[in-house]
Amino acid sequence: MEQKLYSYLQSTDPSLYLFVQFISYNFLRPIEVCRLRVEDIDVKDKKLYVKTKNQPIKTKIIPDILLQQLPDMEGVDPKAFLFTKNGLLGSWKAQASHKRGEFTGRFRKVKDYFGLDDRYGLYSFRHTFITKLYRKIRETKTPFEAKSQLMLITGHTKMETLSHYLRDIDVELPEDYSSLLQ
């Protein structure tokens, strides 16, 4: 489904596609993506400066998979927003919550096209990709090591918070424990 969604977004709404990639690959909340300005994106050093819910500014790396998708921002006003109502790179005089609503509405049309219910939203991409990444890391690391590495990537500041997050989405279930009950 993920590939179908990406393919559909890429062909019908390229700026929403990039918006989703920021959620998926940088583990941002939709409102954090709405706040991004050109000055927050350092392409040369592959850094992203994000206004998050827990910190005034959080520095994150921009993974190459996302860096390749960024538009050319050379000569663009540093105060320009990355995402606007009409596309990429421009001004948009609206509160962040209204901007998030715009993208939520655009994604609702995609959900309707695919017959997805209310359990799926833009934030679901964050959950999905954290889960995918955790499972990939767990192929070679212990749960503690995987969580430690994942914290650096997702921006969670406490192991307890990340563990709660992973538990809430049932990212890892125990093996069959029948033998322990006999």
N, C-alpha and C. Protein backbone atom coordinates (compact mmCIF):
# COMPACT_ATOMS: atom_id res chain seq x y z
N MET A 1 0.83 -1.19 0.00
CA MET A 1 0.00 0.00 0.00
C MET A 1 0.88 1.26 0.00
N GLU A 2 1.96 1.18 0.77
CA GLU A 2 2.86 2.33 0.85
C GLU A 2 3.37 2.73 -0.53
N GLN A 3 3.79 1.74 -1.33
CA GLN A 3 4.30 2.04 -2.67
C GLN A 3 3.21 2.61 -3.58
N LYS A 4 2.00 2.08 -3.45
CA LYS A 4 0.88 2.60 -4.24
C LYS A 4 0.58 4.04 -3.87
N LEU A 5 0.60 4.32 -2.56
CA LEU A 5 0.37 5.70 -2.10
C LEU A 5 1.45 6.64 -2.64
N TYR A 6 2.70 6.22 -2.53
CA TYR A 6 3.80 7.06 -3.00
C TYR A 6 3.70 7.31 -4.49
N SER A 7 3.42 6.28 -5.24
CA SER A 7 3.31 6.42 -6.69
C SER A 7 2.17 7.38 -7.06
N TYR A 8 1.05 7.22 -6.39
CA TYR A 8 -0.11 8.07 -6.64
C TYR A 8 0.20 9.52 -6.27
N LEU A 9 0.80 9.73 -5.11
CA LEU A 9 1.13 11.08 -4.67
C LEU A 9 2.13 11.73 -5.62
N GLN A 10 3.12 10.97 -6.04
CA GLN A 10 4.15 11.51 -6.92
C GLN A 10 3.55 12.02 -8.23
N SER A 11 2.54 11.31 -8.73
CA SER A 11 1.96 11.72 -10.01
C SER A 11 0.83 12.75 -9.87
N THR A 12 0.13 12.79 -8.73
CA THR A 12 -1.01 13.68 -8.61
C THR A 12 -0.76 14.93 -7.77
N ASP A 13 0.15 14.84 -6.79
CA ASP A 13 0.40 15.97 -5.90
C ASP A 13 1.85 15.91 -5.40
N PRO A 14 2.81 16.31 -6.25
CA PRO A 14 4.23 16.19 -5.90
C PRO A 14 4.63 16.91 -4.61
N SER A 15 4.01 18.04 -4.30
CA SER A 15 4.40 18.73 -3.06
C SER A 15 3.87 17.98 -1.84
N LEU A 16 2.70 17.37 -1.93
CA LEU A 16 2.21 16.54 -0.83
C LEU A 16 3.09 15.30 -0.70
N TYR A 17 3.56 14.77 -1.81
CA TYR A 17 4.49 13.64 -1.81
C TYR A 17 5.75 13.99 -1.02
N LEU A 18 6.34 15.16 -1.28
CA LEU A 18 7.53 15.58 -0.55
C LEU A 18 7.20 15.81 0.92
N PHE A 19 6.05 16.38 1.19
CA PHE A 19 5.58 16.61 2.57
C PHE A 19 5.57 15.27 3.32
N VAL A 20 5.01 14.25 2.71
CA VAL A 20 4.94 12.91 3.31
C VAL A 20 6.34 12.34 3.51
N GLN A 21 7.23 12.60 2.59
CA GLN A 21 8.60 12.10 2.74
C GLN A 21 9.30 12.72 3.96
N PHE A 22 9.03 13.99 4.24
CA PHE A 22 9.60 14.60 5.44
C PHE A 22 9.09 13.91 6.70
N ILE A 23 7.83 13.51 6.70
CA ILE A 23 7.27 12.78 7.85
C ILE A 23 7.90 11.39 7.91
N SER A 24 7.99 10.73 6.77
CA SER A 24 8.46 9.35 6.70
C SER A 24 9.96 9.21 6.98
N TYR A 25 10.76 10.04 6.36
CA TYR A 25 12.22 9.88 6.42
C TYR A 25 12.90 10.71 7.49
N ASN A 26 12.25 11.78 7.94
CA ASN A 26 12.84 12.59 9.01
C ASN A 26 12.05 12.48 10.30
N PHE A 27 10.98 11.68 10.27
CA PHE A 27 10.18 11.40 11.46
C PHE A 27 9.64 12.67 12.11
N LEU A 28 9.21 13.59 11.25
CA LEU A 28 8.64 14.84 11.73
C LEU A 28 7.13 14.70 11.88
N ARG A 29 6.58 15.53 12.73
CA ARG A 29 5.13 15.65 12.83
C ARG A 29 4.66 16.57 11.70
N PRO A 30 3.45 16.38 11.21
CA PRO A 30 2.98 17.24 10.11
C PRO A 30 3.10 18.74 10.40
N ILE A 31 2.80 19.15 11.61
CA ILE A 31 2.89 20.59 11.92
C ILE A 31 4.34 21.08 11.86
N GLU A 32 5.29 20.19 12.18
CA GLU A 32 6.71 20.57 12.10
C GLU A 32 7.12 20.76 10.65
N VAL A 33 6.58 19.95 9.76
CA VAL A 33 6.87 20.09 8.33
C VAL A 33 6.30 21.41 7.83
N CYS A 34 5.13 21.78 8.31
CA CYS A 34 4.49 23.04 7.88
C CYS A 34 5.32 24.26 8.25
N ARG A 35 6.08 24.17 9.33
CA ARG A 35 6.88 25.30 9.80
C ARG A 35 8.19 25.48 9.05
N LEU A 36 8.60 24.50 8.26
CA LEU A 36 9.92 24.54 7.62
C LEU A 36 10.06 25.70 6.65
N ARG A 37 11.14 26.42 6.81
CA ARG A 37 11.50 27.51 5.91
C ARG A 37 12.82 27.16 5.22
N VAL A 38 13.14 27.84 4.16
CA VAL A 38 14.38 27.61 3.43
C VAL A 38 15.57 27.71 4.37
N GLU A 39 15.55 28.68 5.28
CA GLU A 39 16.67 28.88 6.20
C GLU A 39 16.85 27.72 7.18
N ASP A 40 15.86 26.86 7.31
CA ASP A 40 15.93 25.72 8.22
C ASP A 40 16.60 24.51 7.57
N ILE A 41 16.91 24.61 6.29
CA ILE A 41 17.44 23.48 5.54
C ILE A 41 18.84 23.80 5.06
N ASP A 42 19.82 23.09 5.61
CA ASP A 42 21.22 23.26 5.23
C ASP A 42 21.61 22.07 4.35
N VAL A 43 21.48 22.27 3.05
CA VAL A 43 21.75 21.19 2.10
C VAL A 43 23.21 20.79 2.12
N LYS A 44 24.09 21.77 2.25
CA LYS A 44 25.54 21.50 2.22
C LYS A 44 25.94 20.56 3.35
N ASP A 45 25.51 20.85 4.56
CA ASP A 45 25.88 20.02 5.72
C ASP A 45 24.83 18.95 6.05
N LYS A 46 23.80 18.86 5.21
CA LYS A 46 22.74 17.86 5.39
C LYS A 46 22.09 17.95 6.76
N LYS A 47 21.75 19.17 7.15
CA LYS A 47 21.13 19.41 8.46
C LYS A 47 19.78 20.08 8.28
N LEU A 48 18.90 19.77 9.21
CA LEU A 48 17.56 20.33 9.24
C LEU A 48 17.35 20.90 10.64
N TYR A 49 16.86 22.11 10.71
CA TYR A 49 16.62 22.78 12.00
C TYR A 49 15.11 22.93 12.16
N VAL A 50 14.56 22.17 13.10
CA VAL A 50 13.12 22.01 13.23
C VAL A 50 12.62 22.58 14.55
N LYS A 51 11.52 23.32 14.47
CA LYS A 51 10.83 23.77 15.68
C LYS A 51 9.89 22.64 16.08
N THR A 52 10.22 21.97 17.21
CA THR A 52 9.46 20.79 17.62
C THR A 52 8.54 21.12 18.79
N LYS A 53 7.77 20.12 19.17
CA LYS A 53 6.83 20.32 20.27
C LYS A 53 7.56 20.38 21.62
N ASN A 54 8.76 19.77 21.70
CA ASN A 54 9.47 19.70 22.97
C ASN A 54 10.67 20.64 23.09
N GLN A 55 11.14 21.17 21.97
CA GLN A 55 12.33 22.01 21.98
C GLN A 55 12.13 23.16 20.99
N PRO A 56 12.72 24.33 21.30
CA PRO A 56 12.59 25.45 20.36
C PRO A 56 13.18 25.11 18.99
N ILE A 57 14.38 24.52 18.97
CA ILE A 57 15.03 24.12 17.72
C ILE A 57 15.72 22.77 17.95
N LYS A 58 15.44 21.83 17.08
CA LYS A 58 16.09 20.53 17.11
C LYS A 58 16.83 20.35 15.80
N THR A 59 18.09 19.94 15.89
CA THR A 59 18.89 19.69 14.71
C THR A 59 18.79 18.21 14.34
N LYS A 60 18.48 17.95 13.08
CA LYS A 60 18.39 16.58 12.59
C LYS A 60 19.19 16.49 11.30
N ILE A 61 19.65 15.30 10.97
CA ILE A 61 20.31 15.15 9.68
C ILE A 61 19.23 14.98 8.61
N ILE A 62 19.60 15.31 7.40
CA ILE A 62 18.72 15.05 6.26
C ILE A 62 19.32 13.83 5.56
N PRO A 63 18.63 12.70 5.61
CA PRO A 63 19.18 11.51 4.96
C PRO A 63 19.22 11.71 3.44
N ASP A 64 20.19 11.07 2.81
CA ASP A 64 20.36 11.21 1.36
C ASP A 64 19.08 10.89 0.59
N ILE A 65 18.31 9.92 1.06
CA ILE A 65 17.07 9.53 0.38
C ILE A 65 16.10 10.71 0.29
N LEU A 66 16.15 11.62 1.24
CA LEU A 66 15.31 12.81 1.23
C LEU A 66 16.03 13.97 0.53
N LEU A 67 17.31 14.08 0.76
CA LEU A 67 18.09 15.17 0.17
C LEU A 67 17.94 15.19 -1.35
N GLN A 68 17.88 14.02 -1.96
CA GLN A 68 17.73 13.90 -3.41
C GLN A 68 16.41 14.47 -3.92
N GLN A 69 15.42 14.56 -3.05
CA GLN A 69 14.08 15.00 -3.44
C GLN A 69 13.86 16.51 -3.29
N LEU A 70 14.79 17.19 -2.63
CA LEU A 70 14.60 18.61 -2.35
C LEU A 70 14.69 19.46 -3.61
N PRO A 71 13.87 20.49 -3.69
CA PRO A 71 13.96 21.41 -4.84
C PRO A 71 15.22 22.27 -4.73
N ASP A 72 15.62 22.87 -5.82
CA ASP A 72 16.75 23.79 -5.82
C ASP A 72 16.32 25.05 -5.07
N MET A 73 17.03 25.37 -4.01
CA MET A 73 16.67 26.53 -3.19
C MET A 73 17.67 27.67 -3.34
N GLU A 74 18.56 27.53 -4.29
CA GLU A 74 19.56 28.57 -4.56
C GLU A 74 18.87 29.88 -4.91
N GLY A 75 19.20 30.94 -4.18
CA GLY A 75 18.66 32.26 -4.45
C GLY A 75 17.25 32.50 -3.95
N VAL A 76 16.66 31.53 -3.28
CA VAL A 76 15.30 31.68 -2.75
C VAL A 76 15.37 32.41 -1.41
N ASP A 77 14.41 33.26 -1.15
CA ASP A 77 14.33 33.99 0.11
C ASP A 77 14.42 33.01 1.28
N PRO A 78 15.39 33.19 2.18
CA PRO A 78 15.55 32.27 3.32
C PRO A 78 14.30 32.17 4.19
N LYS A 79 13.47 33.20 4.19
CA LYS A 79 12.24 33.19 5.00
C LYS A 79 11.08 32.49 4.29
N ALA A 80 11.29 32.08 3.04
CA ALA A 80 10.22 31.40 2.30
C ALA A 80 9.94 30.04 2.95
N PHE A 81 8.68 29.68 2.96
CA PHE A 81 8.30 28.36 3.47
C PHE A 81 8.62 27.31 2.41
N LEU A 82 9.02 26.14 2.86
CA LEU A 82 9.27 25.05 1.92
C LEU A 82 7.95 24.61 1.29
N PHE A 83 6.91 24.51 2.12
CA PHE A 83 5.60 24.07 1.64
C PHE A 83 4.60 25.21 1.73
N THR A 84 3.86 25.40 0.65
CA THR A 84 2.79 26.40 0.63
C THR A 84 1.52 25.74 0.12
N LYS A 85 0.46 26.47 0.17
CA LYS A 85 -0.83 25.97 -0.31
C LYS A 85 -0.78 25.64 -1.80
N ASN A 86 0.05 26.38 -2.53
CA ASN A 86 0.10 26.25 -3.99
C ASN A 86 1.33 25.54 -4.51
N GLY A 87 2.10 24.91 -3.63
CA GLY A 87 3.30 24.22 -4.10
C GLY A 87 4.45 24.40 -3.15
N LEU A 88 5.63 24.50 -3.72
CA LEU A 88 6.85 24.61 -2.92
C LEU A 88 7.44 26.01 -3.00
N LEU A 89 8.13 26.39 -1.94
CA LEU A 89 8.95 27.60 -1.89
C LEU A 89 8.18 28.89 -2.14
N GLY A 90 7.68 29.44 -1.07
CA GLY A 90 6.98 30.71 -1.20
C GLY A 90 6.48 31.21 0.14
N SER A 91 5.65 32.21 0.09
CA SER A 91 5.09 32.75 1.32
C SER A 91 3.70 32.14 1.52
N TRP A 92 3.29 32.13 2.78
CA TRP A 92 1.97 31.60 3.12
C TRP A 92 1.60 32.16 4.47
N LYS A 93 0.72 33.12 4.46
CA LYS A 93 0.31 33.79 5.69
C LYS A 93 -0.87 33.05 6.31
N ALA A 94 -0.54 32.08 7.14
CA ALA A 94 -1.56 31.31 7.87
C ALA A 94 -0.88 30.68 9.08
N GLN A 95 -1.67 30.39 10.09
CA GLN A 95 -1.12 29.72 11.26
C GLN A 95 -0.74 28.29 10.88
N ALA A 96 0.24 27.76 11.61
CA ALA A 96 0.72 26.41 11.32
C ALA A 96 -0.41 25.39 11.38
N SER A 97 -1.34 25.57 12.30
CA SER A 97 -2.45 24.62 12.42
C SER A 97 -3.35 24.65 11.18
N HIS A 98 -3.52 25.82 10.58
CA HIS A 98 -4.31 25.92 9.34
C HIS A 98 -3.57 25.29 8.17
N LYS A 99 -2.25 25.46 8.17
CA LYS A 99 -1.44 24.84 7.12
C LYS A 99 -1.53 23.32 7.23
N ARG A 100 -1.43 22.82 8.46
CA ARG A 100 -1.55 21.38 8.67
C ARG A 100 -2.91 20.90 8.18
N GLY A 101 -3.95 21.67 8.46
CA GLY A 101 -5.29 21.32 7.99
C GLY A 101 -5.37 21.25 6.47
N GLU A 102 -4.69 22.13 5.80
CA GLU A 102 -4.64 22.11 4.34
C GLU A 102 -4.07 20.78 3.84
N PHE A 103 -2.94 20.37 4.41
CA PHE A 103 -2.31 19.13 3.97
C PHE A 103 -3.11 17.90 4.40
N THR A 104 -3.75 17.98 5.56
CA THR A 104 -4.62 16.90 6.01
C THR A 104 -5.78 16.73 5.03
N GLY A 105 -6.35 17.84 4.59
CA GLY A 105 -7.44 17.80 3.63
C GLY A 105 -7.01 17.22 2.29
N ARG A 106 -5.83 17.61 1.86
CA ARG A 106 -5.32 17.07 0.59
C ARG A 106 -5.08 15.57 0.71
N PHE A 107 -4.58 15.14 1.87
CA PHE A 107 -4.34 13.72 2.07
C PHE A 107 -5.66 12.95 2.20
N ARG A 108 -6.69 13.60 2.72
CA ARG A 108 -8.01 12.96 2.83
C ARG A 108 -8.50 12.51 1.45
N LYS A 109 -8.24 13.32 0.43
CA LYS A 109 -8.63 12.94 -0.93
C LYS A 109 -7.90 11.68 -1.38
N VAL A 110 -6.65 11.56 -0.99
CA VAL A 110 -5.86 10.37 -1.32
C VAL A 110 -6.43 9.16 -0.58
N LYS A 111 -6.75 9.36 0.70
CA LYS A 111 -7.35 8.27 1.48
C LYS A 111 -8.65 7.82 0.86
N ASP A 112 -9.47 8.76 0.43
CA ASP A 112 -10.74 8.42 -0.20
C ASP A 112 -10.52 7.61 -1.48
N TYR A 113 -9.52 8.02 -2.25
CA TYR A 113 -9.20 7.32 -3.50
C TYR A 113 -8.85 5.86 -3.23
N PHE A 114 -8.11 5.61 -2.15
CA PHE A 114 -7.67 4.26 -1.81
C PHE A 114 -8.62 3.54 -0.85
N GLY A 115 -9.67 4.22 -0.41
CA GLY A 115 -10.63 3.59 0.50
C GLY A 115 -10.09 3.38 1.90
N LEU A 116 -9.20 4.26 2.35
CA LEU A 116 -8.62 4.15 3.69
C LEU A 116 -9.53 4.86 4.69
N ASP A 117 -9.64 4.30 5.87
CA ASP A 117 -10.53 4.89 6.88
C ASP A 117 -9.79 5.89 7.77
N ASP A 118 -10.45 6.32 8.82
CA ASP A 118 -9.92 7.36 9.70
C ASP A 118 -8.72 6.93 10.53
N ARG A 119 -8.40 5.65 10.52
CA ARG A 119 -7.21 5.20 11.25
C ARG A 119 -5.92 5.65 10.55
N TYR A 120 -6.06 6.07 9.31
CA TYR A 120 -4.89 6.45 8.52
C TYR A 120 -4.88 7.96 8.30
N GLY A 121 -3.73 8.54 8.59
CA GLY A 121 -3.55 9.97 8.38
C GLY A 121 -2.10 10.25 8.08
N LEU A 122 -1.77 11.51 7.94
CA LEU A 122 -0.38 11.87 7.66
C LEU A 122 0.56 11.37 8.75
N TYR A 123 0.11 11.46 10.00
CA TYR A 123 0.94 11.04 11.13
C TYR A 123 1.23 9.54 11.06
N SER A 124 0.39 8.77 10.38
CA SER A 124 0.60 7.33 10.25
C SER A 124 1.93 7.01 9.57
N PHE A 125 2.39 7.89 8.69
CA PHE A 125 3.67 7.65 8.03
C PHE A 125 4.81 7.66 9.06
N ARG A 126 4.72 8.53 10.04
CA ARG A 126 5.73 8.56 11.10
C ARG A 126 5.75 7.22 11.84
N HIS A 127 4.58 6.75 12.23
CA HIS A 127 4.47 5.45 12.92
C HIS A 127 5.03 4.33 12.05
N THR A 128 4.62 4.30 10.81
CA THR A 128 5.03 3.23 9.90
C THR A 128 6.54 3.18 9.74
N PHE A 129 7.15 4.33 9.52
CA PHE A 129 8.58 4.34 9.26
C PHE A 129 9.42 4.14 10.52
N ILE A 130 8.94 4.56 11.66
CA ILE A 130 9.64 4.24 12.91
C ILE A 130 9.59 2.73 13.13
N THR A 131 8.44 2.14 12.86
CA THR A 131 8.30 0.69 13.00
C THR A 131 9.25 -0.04 12.04
N LYS A 132 9.24 0.38 10.78
CA LYS A 132 10.12 -0.25 9.78
C LYS A 132 11.59 -0.14 10.18
N LEU A 133 11.97 1.03 10.61
CA LEU A 133 13.36 1.24 10.98
C LEU A 133 13.75 0.42 12.20
N TYR A 134 12.87 0.39 13.20
CA TYR A 134 13.15 -0.40 14.41
C TYR A 134 13.33 -1.88 14.05
N ARG A 135 12.43 -2.41 13.24
CA ARG A 135 12.53 -3.83 12.86
C ARG A 135 13.80 -4.11 12.06
N LYS A 136 14.20 -3.18 11.21
CA LYS A 136 15.43 -3.36 10.44
C LYS A 136 16.65 -3.36 11.37
N ILE A 137 16.70 -2.44 12.30
CA ILE A 137 17.82 -2.37 13.24
C ILE A 137 17.85 -3.62 14.11
N ARG A 138 16.67 -4.11 14.51
CA ARG A 138 16.57 -5.30 15.37
C ARG A 138 17.11 -6.57 14.71
N GLU A 139 17.28 -6.55 13.40
CA GLU A 139 17.83 -7.72 12.72
C GLU A 139 19.25 -8.02 13.20
N THR A 140 19.95 -6.99 13.67
CA THR A 140 21.35 -7.18 14.07
C THR A 140 21.65 -6.70 15.49
N LYS A 141 20.69 -6.08 16.15
CA LYS A 141 20.95 -5.51 17.46
C LYS A 141 19.91 -5.96 18.49
N THR A 142 20.26 -5.84 19.75
CA THR A 142 19.33 -6.15 20.83
C THR A 142 18.26 -5.06 20.88
N PRO A 143 17.15 -5.32 21.58
CA PRO A 143 16.13 -4.26 21.70
C PRO A 143 16.70 -2.96 22.27
N PHE A 144 17.54 -3.05 23.29
CA PHE A 144 18.11 -1.84 23.89
C PHE A 144 18.99 -1.10 22.88
N GLU A 145 19.85 -1.83 22.17
CA GLU A 145 20.72 -1.20 21.18
C GLU A 145 19.89 -0.56 20.06
N ALA A 146 18.86 -1.28 19.63
CA ALA A 146 18.01 -0.76 18.56
C ALA A 146 17.32 0.53 19.00
N LYS A 147 16.81 0.54 20.22
CA LYS A 147 16.14 1.74 20.73
C LYS A 147 17.12 2.89 20.88
N SER A 148 18.33 2.60 21.34
CA SER A 148 19.35 3.64 21.49
C SER A 148 19.67 4.28 20.14
N GLN A 149 19.84 3.46 19.12
CA GLN A 149 20.12 3.98 17.79
C GLN A 149 18.92 4.73 17.23
N LEU A 150 17.74 4.19 17.46
CA LEU A 150 16.51 4.81 16.96
C LEU A 150 16.26 6.18 17.60
N MET A 151 16.60 6.32 18.87
CA MET A 151 16.43 7.61 19.55
C MET A 151 17.20 8.72 18.84
N LEU A 152 18.41 8.41 18.41
CA LEU A 152 19.22 9.41 17.70
C LEU A 152 18.55 9.84 16.40
N ILE A 153 17.87 8.91 15.76
CA ILE A 153 17.26 9.18 14.46
C ILE A 153 15.92 9.89 14.61
N THR A 154 15.07 9.41 15.52
CA THR A 154 13.71 9.94 15.63
C THR A 154 13.64 11.25 16.41
N GLY A 155 14.64 11.46 17.27
CA GLY A 155 14.62 12.68 18.08
C GLY A 155 13.98 12.50 19.44
N HIS A 156 13.56 11.27 19.78
CA HIS A 156 13.06 11.04 21.13
C HIS A 156 14.20 11.29 22.11
N THR A 157 13.93 11.94 23.21
CA THR A 157 14.98 12.29 24.16
C THR A 157 15.05 11.34 25.35
N LYS A 158 14.03 10.51 25.52
CA LYS A 158 14.02 9.56 26.63
C LYS A 158 13.70 8.17 26.10
N MET A 159 14.46 7.19 26.57
CA MET A 159 14.22 5.79 26.19
C MET A 159 12.81 5.38 26.57
N GLU A 160 12.35 5.85 27.72
CA GLU A 160 11.01 5.50 28.21
C GLU A 160 9.94 5.97 27.22
N THR A 161 10.09 7.16 26.70
CA THR A 161 9.12 7.70 25.75
C THR A 161 9.11 6.88 24.46
N LEU A 162 10.29 6.58 23.95
CA LEU A 162 10.38 5.77 22.73
C LEU A 162 9.82 4.38 22.98
N SER A 163 10.14 3.77 24.11
CA SER A 163 9.63 2.43 24.44
C SER A 163 8.11 2.44 24.52
N HIS A 164 7.56 3.47 25.12
CA HIS A 164 6.10 3.60 25.21
C HIS A 164 5.51 3.72 23.81
N TYR A 165 6.14 4.54 22.98
CA TYR A 165 5.70 4.75 21.61
C TYR A 165 5.71 3.42 20.85
N LEU A 166 6.80 2.67 20.96
CA LEU A 166 6.90 1.39 20.26
C LEU A 166 5.90 0.37 20.80
N ARG A 167 5.67 0.40 22.09
CA ARG A 167 4.72 -0.53 22.70
C ARG A 167 3.29 -0.20 22.24
N ASP A 168 2.99 1.09 22.13
CA ASP A 168 1.66 1.51 21.70
C ASP A 168 1.33 1.02 20.29
N ILE A 169 2.34 0.88 19.45
CA ILE A 169 2.08 0.44 18.08
C ILE A 169 2.47 -1.02 17.88
N ASP A 170 2.69 -1.75 18.99
CA ASP A 170 3.00 -3.18 18.95
C ASP A 170 4.10 -3.51 17.95
N VAL A 171 5.18 -2.75 18.03
CA VAL A 171 6.28 -2.95 17.08
C VAL A 171 6.99 -4.28 17.30
N GLU A 172 6.99 -4.76 18.52
CA GLU A 172 7.65 -6.03 18.78
C GLU A 172 6.81 -6.83 19.76
N LEU A 173 6.51 -8.04 19.36
CA LEU A 173 5.75 -8.94 20.22
C LEU A 173 6.65 -10.09 20.64
N PRO A 174 6.39 -10.69 21.79
CA PRO A 174 7.23 -11.81 22.23
C PRO A 174 7.00 -13.04 21.35
N GLU A 175 7.98 -13.95 21.38
CA GLU A 175 7.79 -15.23 20.71
C GLU A 175 6.78 -16.03 21.53
N ASP A 176 6.32 -17.13 20.95
CA ASP A 176 5.37 -17.99 21.65
C ASP A 176 5.98 -18.44 22.98
N TYR A 177 5.26 -18.21 24.03
CA TYR A 177 5.75 -18.53 25.37
C TYR A 177 5.01 -19.71 25.99
N SER A 178 4.40 -20.54 25.17
CA SER A 178 3.64 -21.71 25.66
C SER A 178 4.47 -22.61 26.56
N SER A 179 5.74 -22.81 26.18
CA SER A 179 6.59 -23.72 26.97
C SER A 179 6.79 -23.22 28.38
N LEU A 180 6.67 -21.93 28.59
CA LEU A 180 6.84 -21.38 29.94
C LEU A 180 5.60 -21.61 30.81
N LEU A 181 4.50 -21.94 30.19
CA LEU A 181 3.24 -22.11 30.92
C LEU A 181 2.96 -23.59 31.25
N GLN A 182 3.77 -24.50 30.76
CA GLN A 182 3.52 -25.93 30.98
C GLN A 182 4.11 -26.41 32.27
